[in-house]
C-alpha atoms as a PDB file:
ATOM      1  CA  MET A   1     106.509  27.037  94.161  1.00  0.00           C
ATOM      2  CA  LYS A   2     104.280  30.458  93.785  1.00  0.00           C
ATOM      3  CA  GLU A   3     103.303  30.757  97.468  1.00  0.00           C
ATOM      4  CA  ASP A   4     107.087  29.840  98.129  1.00  0.00           C
ATOM      5  CA  THR A   5     107.957  33.119  96.425  1.00  0.00           C
ATOM      6  CA  ILE A   6     105.342  35.070  98.131  1.00  0.00           C
ATOM      7  CA  ARG A   7     106.534  34.324 101.258  1.00  0.00           C
ATOM      8  CA  TYR A   8     110.333  34.256 100.921  1.00  0.00           C
ATOM      9  CA  ALA A   9     109.114  38.165  99.298  1.00  0.00           C
ATOM     10  CA  LEU A  10     107.079  39.020 102.171  1.00  0.00           C
ATOM     11  CA  TYR A  11     110.080  37.916 104.498  1.00  0.00           C
ATOM     12  CA  ILE A  12     112.853  40.130 102.965  1.00  0.00           C
ATOM     13  CA  LEU A  13     110.127  43.241 102.741  1.00  0.00           C
ATOM     14  CA  GLY A  14     109.142  42.505 106.560  1.00  0.00           C
ATOM     15  CA  ILE A  15     113.323  42.037 107.468  1.00  0.00           C
ATOM     16  CA  ILE A  16     113.411  45.810 105.072  1.00  0.00           C
ATOM     17  CA  THR A  17     110.482  46.989 107.147  1.00  0.00           C
ATOM     18  CA  ALA A  18     112.337  46.260 110.419  1.00  0.00           C
ATOM     19  CA  LEU A  19     115.619  47.620 109.695  1.00  0.00           C
ATOM     20  CA  TYR A  20     114.198  50.846 108.443  1.00  0.00           C
ATOM     21  CA  ILE A  21     111.944  50.968 111.703  1.00  0.00           C
ATOM     22  CA  VAL A  22     115.260  50.758 113.072  1.00  0.00           C
ATOM     23  CA  VAL A  23     117.199  53.284 111.878  1.00  0.00           C
ATOM     24  CA  ARG A  24     114.457  55.067 111.252  1.00  0.00           C
ATOM     25  CA  TYR A  25     113.281  55.724 115.101  1.00  0.00           C
ATOM     26  CA  VAL A  26     115.483  53.179 117.422  1.00  0.00           C
ATOM     27  CA  ILE A  27     118.773  54.029 116.938  1.00  0.00           C
ATOM     28  CA  PRO A  28     117.523  58.557 116.971  1.00  0.00           C
ATOM     29  CA  LEU A  29     116.075  57.424 120.437  1.00  0.00           C
ATOM     30  CA  VAL A  30     119.065  55.465 121.825  1.00  0.00           C
ATOM     31  CA  PHE A  31     121.440  58.661 120.870  1.00  0.00           C
ATOM     32  CA  LYS A  32     119.018  61.046 122.555  1.00  0.00           C
ATOM     33  CA  ILE A  33     119.026  59.077 125.533  1.00  0.00           C
ATOM     34  CA  VAL A  34     122.638  58.365 125.455  1.00  0.00           C
ATOM     35  CA  ALA A  35     123.034  62.059 125.039  1.00  0.00           C
ATOM     36  CA  GLY A  36     121.312  63.375 127.495  1.00  0.00           C
ATOM     37  CA  LEU A  37     122.485  60.566 130.100  1.00  0.00           C
ATOM     38  CA  MET A  38     126.346  62.242 129.358  1.00  0.00           C
ATOM     39  CA  GLY A  39     125.141  65.395 129.718  1.00  0.00           C
ATOM     40  CA  ILE A  40     123.760  65.472 132.985  1.00  0.00           C
ATOM     41  CA  VAL A  41     127.504  63.012 133.804  1.00  0.00           C
ATOM     42  CA  PHE A  42     129.127  65.911 132.467  1.00  0.00           C
ATOM     43  CA  ASN A  43     127.041  68.570 134.509  1.00  0.00           C
ATOM     44  CA  VAL A  44     127.937  66.734 138.006  1.00  0.00           C
ATOM     45  CA  VAL A  45     131.772  65.982 137.251  1.00  0.00           C
ATOM     46  CA  ILE A  46     131.550  70.205 136.278  1.00  0.00           C
ATOM     47  CA  PHE A  47     129.652  70.909 140.035  1.00  0.00           C
ATOM     48  CA  LEU A  48     132.116  68.260 141.884  1.00  0.00           C
ATOM     49  CA  ALA A  49     135.084  70.189 140.228  1.00  0.00           C
ATOM     50  CA  ILE A  50     133.666  73.222 141.417  1.00  0.00           C
ATOM     51  CA  VAL A  51     133.016  72.473 144.978  1.00  0.00           C
ATOM     52  CA  PHE A  52     136.467  70.298 145.323  1.00  0.00           C
ATOM     53  CA  GLY A  53     138.108  73.181 143.916  1.00  0.00           C
ATOM     54  CA  VAL A  54     136.093  75.672 146.718  1.00  0.00           C
ATOM     55  CA  ILE A  55     137.096  73.065 148.906  1.00  0.00           C
ATOM     56  CA  TRP A  56     140.654  73.215 147.857  1.00  0.00           C
ATOM     57  CA  GLY A  57     141.312  76.982 148.104  1.00  0.00           C
ATOM     58  CA  ILE A  58     139.454  77.617 151.154  1.00  0.00           C
ATOM     59  CA  GLY A  59     142.024  74.811 152.665  1.00  0.00           C
ATOM     60  CA  TYR A  60     145.183  76.295 150.970  1.00  0.00           C
ATOM     61  CA  LEU A  61     144.018  79.478 151.952  1.00  0.00           C
ATOM     62  CA  SER A  62     143.359  78.947 155.679  1.00  0.00           C
ATOM     63  CA  LYS A  63     146.652  76.837 155.688  1.00  0.00           C
ATOM     64  CA  SER A  64     148.582  79.260 154.758  1.00  0.00           C
ATOM     65  CA  MET A  65     147.512  81.640 156.729  1.00  0.00           C
ATOM     66  CA  ARG A  66     148.657  79.969 159.617  1.00  0.00           C
ATOM     67  CA  ARG A  67     152.165  80.207 158.842  1.00  0.00           C
END
């Protein structure tokens, strides 16, 4: 009976330790990776919007100069 209680206590301690490691280390790492990827995607979208705007502006000016 005592051995079962010790085994149960160790299982509970292992679960609490695993939860602590996940909350303390894994979740912040995942958030940092996601934030980094979103930053890269945001910069690419802004760059493409600027390039599209410049190309559209040149096309608009060239079309209006022909008239």
